[in-house]
Amino acid sequence: MTKLYVLDVPENTAVAKIAAEDPSVTVGRIGPYFEISAAGPIVVDRRATGCRHAVWYSCVGGVARDSRITQHDKDALRVEPV
């Protein structure tokens, strides 16, 4: 299971919202974080979120032990299972 954690603050809500648009992705909460999970890869398009670069590059709170960030650039954030 691929898991991405994003701090639940107003600046990051668009990341969780866009991730949730993928039917294979579920978004829940654990403590002060959004827990974004999927059986396969999680891909979030930066432009779709409307996030500015500073917010975009600081939105990741963490990933699960069996997940890895394979792309985090101006275009997308991609997390894949290890």
PDB file of N, CA and C in Angstrom:
ATOM      1  N   MET A   1       0.843  -1.179   0.000  1.00  0.00           N
ATOM      2  CA  MET A   1       0.000   0.000   0.000  1.00  0.00           C
ATOM      3  C   MET A   1       0.888   1.241   0.000  1.00  0.00           C
ATOM      4  N   THR A   2       0.642   2.143  -0.911  1.00  0.00           N
ATOM      5  CA  THR A   2       1.376   3.400  -1.011  1.00  0.00           C
ATOM      6  C   THR A   2       0.694   4.428  -0.122  1.00  0.00           C
ATOM      7  N   LYS A   3       1.483   5.127   0.698  1.00  0.00           N
ATOM      8  CA  LYS A   3       0.904   6.136   1.589  1.00  0.00           C
ATOM      9  C   LYS A   3       1.752   7.396   1.588  1.00  0.00           C
ATOM     10  N   LEU A   4       1.050   8.507   1.499  1.00  0.00           N
ATOM     11  CA  LEU A   4       1.652   9.833   1.519  1.00  0.00           C
ATOM     12  C   LEU A   4       0.963  10.622   2.623  1.00  0.00           C
ATOM     13  N   TYR A   5       1.737  11.348   3.412  1.00  0.00           N
ATOM     14  CA  TYR A   5       1.188  12.163   4.488  1.00  0.00           C
ATOM     15  C   TYR A   5       1.443  13.635   4.184  1.00  0.00           C
ATOM     16  N   VAL A   6       0.368  14.431   4.286  1.00  0.00           N
ATOM     17  CA  VAL A   6       0.422  15.861   4.019  1.00  0.00           C
ATOM     18  C   VAL A   6      -0.217  16.572   5.208  1.00  0.00           C
ATOM     19  N   LEU A   7       0.478  17.535   5.775  1.00  0.00           N
ATOM     20  CA  LEU A   7      -0.049  18.274   6.919  1.00  0.00           C
ATOM     21  C   LEU A   7      -1.350  18.970   6.529  1.00  0.00           C
ATOM     22  N   ASP A   8      -2.368  18.820   7.376  1.00  0.00           N
ATOM     23  CA  ASP A   8      -3.674  19.419   7.122  1.00  0.00           C
ATOM     24  C   ASP A   8      -3.657  20.879   7.548  1.00  0.00           C
ATOM     25  N   VAL A   9      -3.211  21.726   6.636  1.00  0.00           N
ATOM     26  CA  VAL A   9      -3.263  23.180   6.797  1.00  0.00           C
ATOM     27  C   VAL A   9      -3.909  23.732   5.531  1.00  0.00           C
ATOM     28  N   PRO A  10      -4.487  24.925   5.591  1.00  0.00           N
ATOM     29  CA  PRO A  10      -5.199  25.452   4.431  1.00  0.00           C
ATOM     30  C   PRO A  10      -4.393  25.441   3.127  1.00  0.00           C
ATOM     31  N   GLU A  11      -3.103  25.692   3.204  1.00  0.00           N
ATOM     32  CA  GLU A  11      -2.275  25.741   2.001  1.00  0.00           C
ATOM     33  C   GLU A  11      -2.196  24.382   1.295  1.00  0.00           C
ATOM     34  N   ASN A  12      -2.367  23.281   2.043  1.00  0.00           N
ATOM     35  CA  ASN A  12      -2.193  21.939   1.484  1.00  0.00           C
ATOM     36  C   ASN A  12      -3.496  21.221   1.133  1.00  0.00           C
ATOM     37  N   THR A  13      -4.630  21.802   1.435  1.00  0.00           N
ATOM     38  CA  THR A  13      -5.884  21.078   1.196  1.00  0.00           C
ATOM     39  C   THR A  13      -6.109  20.749  -0.276  1.00  0.00           C
ATOM     40  N   ALA A  14      -5.621  21.585  -1.179  1.00  0.00           N
ATOM     41  CA  ALA A  14      -5.783  21.312  -2.613  1.00  0.00           C
ATOM     42  C   ALA A  14      -5.031  20.047  -3.031  1.00  0.00           C
ATOM     43  N   VAL A  15      -3.918  19.747  -2.371  1.00  0.00           N
ATOM     44  CA  VAL A  15      -3.161  18.533  -2.694  1.00  0.00           C
ATOM     45  C   VAL A  15      -4.015  17.307  -2.393  1.00  0.00           C
ATOM     46  N   ALA A  16      -4.628  17.276  -1.216  1.00  0.00           N
ATOM     47  CA  ALA A  16      -5.494  16.152  -0.841  1.00  0.00           C
ATOM     48  C   ALA A  16      -6.727  16.086  -1.737  1.00  0.00           C
ATOM     49  N   LYS A  17      -7.295  17.235  -2.056  1.00  0.00           N
ATOM     50  CA  LYS A  17      -8.495  17.281  -2.892  1.00  0.00           C
ATOM     51  C   LYS A  17      -8.224  16.725  -4.289  1.00  0.00           C
ATOM     52  N   ILE A  18      -7.140  17.129  -4.904  1.00  0.00           N
ATOM     53  CA  ILE A  18      -6.801  16.643  -6.251  1.00  0.00           C
ATOM     54  C   ILE A  18      -6.447  15.167  -6.198  1.00  0.00           C
ATOM     55  N   ALA A  19      -5.724  14.725  -5.178  1.00  0.00           N
ATOM     56  CA  ALA A  19      -5.393  13.300  -5.046  1.00  0.00           C
ATOM     57  C   ALA A  19      -6.666  12.469  -4.942  1.00  0.00           C
ATOM     58  N   ALA A  20      -7.672  12.963  -4.223  1.00  0.00           N
ATOM     59  CA  ALA A  20      -8.920  12.232  -4.012  1.00  0.00           C
ATOM     60  C   ALA A  20      -9.756  12.098  -5.285  1.00  0.00           C
ATOM     61  N   GLU A  21      -9.465  12.886  -6.301  1.00  0.00           N
ATOM     62  CA  GLU A  21     -10.200  12.792  -7.562  1.00  0.00           C
ATOM     63  C   GLU A  21      -9.896  11.493  -8.312  1.00  0.00           C
ATOM     64  N   ASP A  22      -8.771  10.864  -7.992  1.00  0.00           N
ATOM     65  CA  ASP A  22      -8.428   9.563  -8.590  1.00  0.00           C
ATOM     66  C   ASP A  22      -9.220   8.499  -7.841  1.00  0.00           C
ATOM     67  N   PRO A  23     -10.053   7.712  -8.550  1.00  0.00           N
ATOM     68  CA  PRO A  23     -10.881   6.719  -7.864  1.00  0.00           C
ATOM     69  C   PRO A  23     -10.096   5.620  -7.143  1.00  0.00           C
ATOM     70  N   SER A  24      -8.833   5.436  -7.485  1.00  0.00           N
ATOM     71  CA  SER A  24      -8.033   4.405  -6.822  1.00  0.00           C
ATOM     72  C   SER A  24      -7.355   4.921  -5.554  1.00  0.00           C
ATOM     73  N   VAL A  25      -7.526   6.196  -5.258  1.00  0.00           N
ATOM     74  CA  VAL A  25      -6.877   6.831  -4.107  1.00  0.00           C
ATOM     75  C   VAL A  25      -7.919   7.132  -3.035  1.00  0.00           C
ATOM     76  N   THR A  26      -7.543   6.878  -1.783  1.00  0.00           N
ATOM     77  CA  THR A  26      -8.402   7.263  -0.663  1.00  0.00           C
ATOM     78  C   THR A  26      -7.664   8.304   0.180  1.00  0.00           C
ATOM     79  N   VAL A  27      -8.425   9.236   0.697  1.00  0.00           N
ATOM     80  CA  VAL A  27      -7.858  10.277   1.548  1.00  0.00           C
ATOM     81  C   VAL A  27      -8.569  10.222   2.889  1.00  0.00           C
ATOM     82  N   GLY A  28      -7.793  10.032   3.930  1.00  0.00           N
ATOM     83  CA  GLY A  28      -8.315  10.014   5.286  1.00  0.00           C
ATOM     84  C   GLY A  28      -7.517  10.978   6.136  1.00  0.00           C
ATOM     85  N   ARG A  29      -7.690  10.859   7.437  1.00  0.00           N
ATOM     86  CA  ARG A  29      -6.941  11.706   8.357  1.00  0.00           C
ATOM     87  C   ARG A  29      -6.317  10.841   9.440  1.00  0.00           C
ATOM     88  N   ILE A  30      -5.118  11.202   9.813  1.00  0.00           N
ATOM     89  CA  ILE A  30      -4.451  10.572  10.943  1.00  0.00           C
ATOM     90  C   ILE A  30      -3.742  11.699  11.691  1.00  0.00           C
ATOM     91  N   GLY A  31      -4.227  11.989  12.887  1.00  0.00           N
ATOM     92  CA  GLY A  31      -3.704  13.131  13.627  1.00  0.00           C
ATOM     93  C   GLY A  31      -3.891  14.400  12.815  1.00  0.00           C
ATOM     94  N   PRO A  32      -2.856  15.238  12.727  1.00  0.00           N
ATOM     95  CA  PRO A  32      -2.984  16.490  11.986  1.00  0.00           C
ATOM     96  C   PRO A  32      -2.631  16.354  10.496  1.00  0.00           C
ATOM     97  N   TYR A  33      -2.632  15.132   9.983  1.00  0.00           N
ATOM     98  CA  TYR A  33      -2.221  14.886   8.601  1.00  0.00           C
ATOM     99  C   TYR A  33      -3.341  14.293   7.760  1.00  0.00           C
ATOM    100  N   PHE A  34      -3.316  14.622   6.466  1.00  0.00           N
ATOM    101  CA  PHE A  34      -4.089  13.861   5.495  1.00  0.00           C
ATOM    102  C   PHE A  34      -3.283  12.610   5.209  1.00  0.00           C
ATOM    103  N   GLU A  35      -3.920  11.464   5.199  1.00  0.00           N
ATOM    104  CA  GLU A  35      -3.265  10.221   4.808  1.00  0.00           C
ATOM    105  C   GLU A  35      -3.822   9.859   3.431  1.00  0.00           C
ATOM    106  N   ILE A  36      -2.993   9.964   2.424  1.00  0.00           N
ATOM    107  CA  ILE A  36      -3.387   9.689   1.046  1.00  0.00           C
ATOM    108  C   ILE A  36      -2.824   8.324   0.700  1.00  0.00           C
ATOM    109  N   SER A  37      -3.702   7.375   0.355  1.00  0.00           N
ATOM    110  CA  SER A  37      -3.236   6.005   0.135  1.00  0.00           C
ATOM    111  C   SER A  37      -3.851   5.407  -1.120  1.00  0.00           C
ATOM    112  N   ALA A  38      -3.140   4.422  -1.671  1.00  0.00           N
ATOM    113  CA  ALA A  38      -3.586   3.706  -2.861  1.00  0.00           C
ATOM    114  C   ALA A  38      -2.840   2.381  -2.929  1.00  0.00           C
ATOM    115  N   ALA A  39      -3.411   1.428  -3.649  1.00  0.00           N
ATOM    116  CA  ALA A  39      -2.742   0.139  -3.839  1.00  0.00           C
ATOM    117  C   ALA A  39      -1.545   0.288  -4.770  1.00  0.00           C
ATOM    118  N   GLY A  40      -1.611   1.230  -5.686  1.00  0.00           N
ATOM    119  CA  GLY A  40      -0.530   1.487  -6.646  1.00  0.00           C
ATOM    120  C   GLY A  40       0.032   2.878  -6.440  1.00  0.00           C
ATOM    121  N   PRO A  41       0.517   3.481  -7.511  1.00  0.00           N
ATOM    122  CA  PRO A  41       1.101   4.818  -7.412  1.00  0.00           C
ATOM    123  C   PRO A  41       0.066   5.895  -7.076  1.00  0.00           C
ATOM    124  N   ILE A  42       0.540   6.944  -6.451  1.00  0.00           N
ATOM    125  CA  ILE A  42      -0.248   8.148  -6.201  1.00  0.00           C
ATOM    126  C   ILE A  42       0.409   9.247  -7.029  1.00  0.00           C
ATOM    127  N   VAL A  43      -0.380   9.905  -7.873  1.00  0.00           N
ATOM    128  CA  VAL A  43       0.152  10.979  -8.711  1.00  0.00           C
ATOM    129  C   VAL A  43      -0.728  12.208  -8.533  1.00  0.00           C
ATOM    130  N   VAL A  44      -0.092  13.335  -8.193  1.00  0.00           N
ATOM    131  CA  VAL A  44      -0.812  14.594  -8.021  1.00  0.00           C
ATOM    132  C   VAL A  44      -0.179  15.619  -8.963  1.00  0.00           C
ATOM    133  N   ASP A  45      -0.990  16.194  -9.819  1.00  0.00           N
ATOM    134  CA  ASP A  45      -0.537  17.209 -10.763  1.00  0.00           C
ATOM    135  C   ASP A  45      -0.477  18.570 -10.058  1.00  0.00           C
ATOM    136  N   ARG A  46       0.678  19.214 -10.077  1.00  0.00           N
ATOM    137  CA  ARG A  46       0.839  20.482  -9.363  1.00  0.00           C
ATOM    138  C   ARG A  46      -0.078  21.561  -9.913  1.00  0.00           C
ATOM    139  N   ARG A  47      -0.166  21.672 -11.210  1.00  0.00           N
ATOM    140  CA  ARG A  47      -0.990  22.741 -11.792  1.00  0.00           C
ATOM    141  C   ARG A  47      -2.458  22.592 -11.411  1.00  0.00           C
ATOM    142  N   ALA A  48      -2.928  21.365 -11.301  1.00  0.00           N
ATOM    143  CA  ALA A  48      -4.319  21.130 -10.914  1.00  0.00           C
ATOM    144  C   ALA A  48      -4.587  21.591  -9.478  1.00  0.00           C
ATOM    145  N   THR A  49      -3.563  21.552  -8.627  1.00  0.00           N
ATOM    146  CA  THR A  49      -3.741  21.979  -7.234  1.00  0.00           C
ATOM    147  C   THR A  49      -3.764  23.492  -7.097  1.00  0.00           C
ATOM    148  N   GLY A  50      -3.148  24.186  -8.034  1.00  0.00           N
ATOM    149  CA  GLY A  50      -3.047  25.638  -7.933  1.00  0.00           C
ATOM    150  C   GLY A  50      -2.014  26.097  -6.923  1.00  0.00           C
ATOM    151  N   CYS A  51      -1.211  25.168  -6.405  1.00  0.00           N
ATOM    152  CA  CYS A  51      -0.191  25.510  -5.406  1.00  0.00           C
ATOM    153  C   CYS A  51       0.964  26.264  -6.046  1.00  0.00           C
ATOM    154  N   ARG A  52       1.428  27.262  -5.335  1.00  0.00           N
ATOM    155  CA  ARG A  52       2.660  27.945  -5.746  1.00  0.00           C
ATOM    156  C   ARG A  52       3.834  27.022  -5.413  1.00  0.00           C
ATOM    157  N   HIS A  53       4.969  27.299  -6.020  1.00  0.00           N
ATOM    158  CA  HIS A  53       6.123  26.412  -5.864  1.00  0.00           C
ATOM    159  C   HIS A  53       6.553  26.229  -4.410  1.00  0.00           C
ATOM    160  N   ALA A  54       6.581  27.283  -3.614  1.00  0.00           N
ATOM    161  CA  ALA A  54       7.029  27.161  -2.221  1.00  0.00           C
ATOM    162  C   ALA A  54       6.125  26.219  -1.429  1.00  0.00           C
ATOM    163  N   VAL A  55       4.826  26.324  -1.625  1.00  0.00           N
ATOM    164  CA  VAL A  55       3.888  25.432  -0.932  1.00  0.00           C
ATOM    165  C   VAL A  55       4.035  24.020  -1.473  1.00  0.00           C
ATOM    166  N   TRP A  56       4.140  23.888  -2.778  1.00  0.00           N
ATOM    167  CA  TRP A  56       4.243  22.584  -3.427  1.00  0.00           C
ATOM    168  C   TRP A  56       5.429  21.787  -2.898  1.00  0.00           C
ATOM    169  N   TYR A  57       6.587  22.416  -2.856  1.00  0.00           N
ATOM    170  CA  TYR A  57       7.792  21.694  -2.445  1.00  0.00           C
ATOM    171  C   TYR A  57       7.862  21.440  -0.943  1.00  0.00           C
ATOM    172  N   SER A  58       6.974  22.056  -0.158  1.00  0.00           N
ATOM    173  CA  SER A  58       6.980  21.822   1.286  1.00  0.00           C
ATOM    174  C   SER A  58       5.763  21.040   1.771  1.00  0.00           C
ATOM    175  N   CYS A  59       4.932  20.544   0.857  1.00  0.00           N
ATOM    176  CA  CYS A  59       3.678  19.904   1.274  1.00  0.00           C
ATOM    177  C   CYS A  59       3.851  18.492   1.831  1.00  0.00           C
ATOM    178  N   VAL A  60       4.915  17.809   1.491  1.00  0.00           N
ATOM    179  CA  VAL A  60       5.086  16.416   1.932  1.00  0.00           C
ATOM    180  C   VAL A  60       5.467  16.372   3.401  1.00  0.00           C
ATOM    181  N   GLY A  61       4.631  15.686   4.196  1.00  0.00           N
ATOM    182  CA  GLY A  61       4.936  15.474   5.600  1.00  0.00           C
ATOM    183  C   GLY A  61       5.693  14.180   5.814  1.00  0.00           C
ATOM    184  N   GLY A  62       5.500  13.213   4.906  1.00  0.00           N
ATOM    185  CA  GLY A  62       6.186  11.937   4.999  1.00  0.00           C
ATOM    186  C   GLY A  62       5.545  10.909   4.096  1.00  0.00           C
ATOM    187  N   VAL A  63       6.190   9.763   4.001  1.00  0.00           N
ATOM    188  CA  VAL A  63       5.667   8.618   3.256  1.00  0.00           C
ATOM    189  C   VAL A  63       5.817   7.379   4.124  1.00  0.00           C
ATOM    190  N   ALA A  64       5.006   6.372   3.852  1.00  0.00           N
ATOM    191  CA  ALA A  64       5.099   5.113   4.601  1.00  0.00           C
ATOM    192  C   ALA A  64       6.417   4.407   4.271  1.00  0.00           C
ATOM    193  N   ARG A  65       6.801   3.507   5.132  1.00  0.00           N
ATOM    194  CA  ARG A  65       8.061   2.787   4.976  1.00  0.00           C
ATOM    195  C   ARG A  65       8.147   2.039   3.642  1.00  0.00           C
ATOM    196  N   ASP A  66       7.016   1.554   3.144  1.00  0.00           N
ATOM    197  CA  ASP A  66       7.018   0.793   1.892  1.00  0.00           C
ATOM    198  C   ASP A  66       6.642   1.651   0.688  1.00  0.00           C
ATOM    199  N   SER A  67       6.845   2.981   0.794  1.00  0.00           N
ATOM    200  CA  SER A  67       6.553   3.914  -0.290  1.00  0.00           C
ATOM    201  C   SER A  67       7.782   4.761  -0.574  1.00  0.00           C
ATOM    202  N   ARG A  68       7.847   5.279  -1.796  1.00  0.00           N
ATOM    203  CA  ARG A  68       8.995   6.095  -2.185  1.00  0.00           C
ATOM    204  C   ARG A  68       8.532   7.208  -3.122  1.00  0.00           C
ATOM    205  N   ILE A  69       9.048   8.417  -2.906  1.00  0.00           N
ATOM    206  CA  ILE A  69       8.773   9.513  -3.826  1.00  0.00           C
ATOM    207  C   ILE A  69       9.675   9.327  -5.030  1.00  0.00           C
ATOM    208  N   THR A  70       9.078   9.180  -6.205  1.00  0.00           N
ATOM    209  CA  THR A  70       9.855   8.986  -7.427  1.00  0.00           C
ATOM    210  C   THR A  70       9.842  10.219  -8.321  1.00  0.00           C
ATOM    211  N   GLN A  71       8.953  11.166  -8.019  1.00  0.00           N
ATOM    212  CA  GLN A  71       8.919  12.431  -8.750  1.00  0.00           C
ATOM    213  C   GLN A  71       8.358  13.496  -7.826  1.00  0.00           C
ATOM    214  N   HIS A  72       9.060  14.613  -7.724  1.00  0.00           N
ATOM    215  CA  HIS A  72       8.545  15.769  -6.993  1.00  0.00           C
ATOM    216  C   HIS A  72       9.188  16.984  -7.637  1.00  0.00           C
ATOM    217  N   ASP A  73       8.578  17.418  -8.715  1.00  0.00           N
ATOM    218  CA  ASP A  73       9.100  18.540  -9.468  1.00  0.00           C
ATOM    219  C   ASP A  73       7.987  19.518  -9.774  1.00  0.00           C
ATOM    220  N   LYS A  74       8.250  20.458 -10.664  1.00  0.00           N
ATOM    221  CA  LYS A  74       7.267  21.504 -10.962  1.00  0.00           C
ATOM    222  C   LYS A  74       6.005  20.970 -11.628  1.00  0.00           C
ATOM    223  N   ASP A  75       6.032  19.738 -12.089  1.00  0.00           N
ATOM    224  CA  ASP A  75       4.882  19.163 -12.788  1.00  0.00           C
ATOM    225  C   ASP A  75       4.013  18.271 -11.913  1.00  0.00           C
ATOM    226  N   ALA A  76       4.635  17.417 -11.110  1.00  0.00           N
ATOM    227  CA  ALA A  76       3.850  16.419 -10.376  1.00  0.00           C
ATOM    228  C   ALA A  76       4.584  15.896  -9.148  1.00  0.00           C
ATOM    229  N   LEU A  77       3.776  15.293  -8.269  1.00  0.00           N
ATOM    230  CA  LEU A  77       4.289  14.542  -7.138  1.00  0.00           C
ATOM    231  C   LEU A  77       3.834  13.094  -7.366  1.00  0.00           C
ATOM    232  N   ARG A  78       4.793  12.188  -7.419  1.00  0.00           N
ATOM    233  CA  ARG A  78       4.484  10.776  -7.665  1.00  0.00           C
ATOM    234  C   ARG A  78       5.115   9.959  -6.558  1.00  0.00           C
ATOM    235  N   VAL A  79       4.275   9.143  -5.910  1.00  0.00           N
ATOM    236  CA  VAL A  79       4.723   8.234  -4.848  1.00  0.00           C
ATOM    237  C   VAL A  79       4.365   6.828  -5.295  1.00  0.00           C
ATOM    238  N   GLU A  80       5.336   5.918  -5.206  1.00  0.00           N
ATOM    239  CA  GLU A  80       5.136   4.554  -5.664  1.00  0.00           C
ATOM    240  C   GLU A  80       5.485   3.558  -4.565  1.00  0.00           C
ATOM    241  N   PRO A  81       4.870   2.376  -4.632  1.00  0.00           N
ATOM    242  CA  PRO A  81       5.241   1.335  -3.659  1.00  0.00           C
ATOM    243  C   PRO A  81       6.660   0.850  -3.928  1.00  0.00           C
ATOM    244  N   VAL A  82       7.348   0.459  -2.863  1.00  0.00           N
ATOM    245  CA  VAL A  82       8.724  -0.047  -2.984  1.00  0.00           C
ATOM    246  C   VAL A  82       8.673  -1.514  -3.356  1.00  0.00           C
TER     247      VAL A  82
END
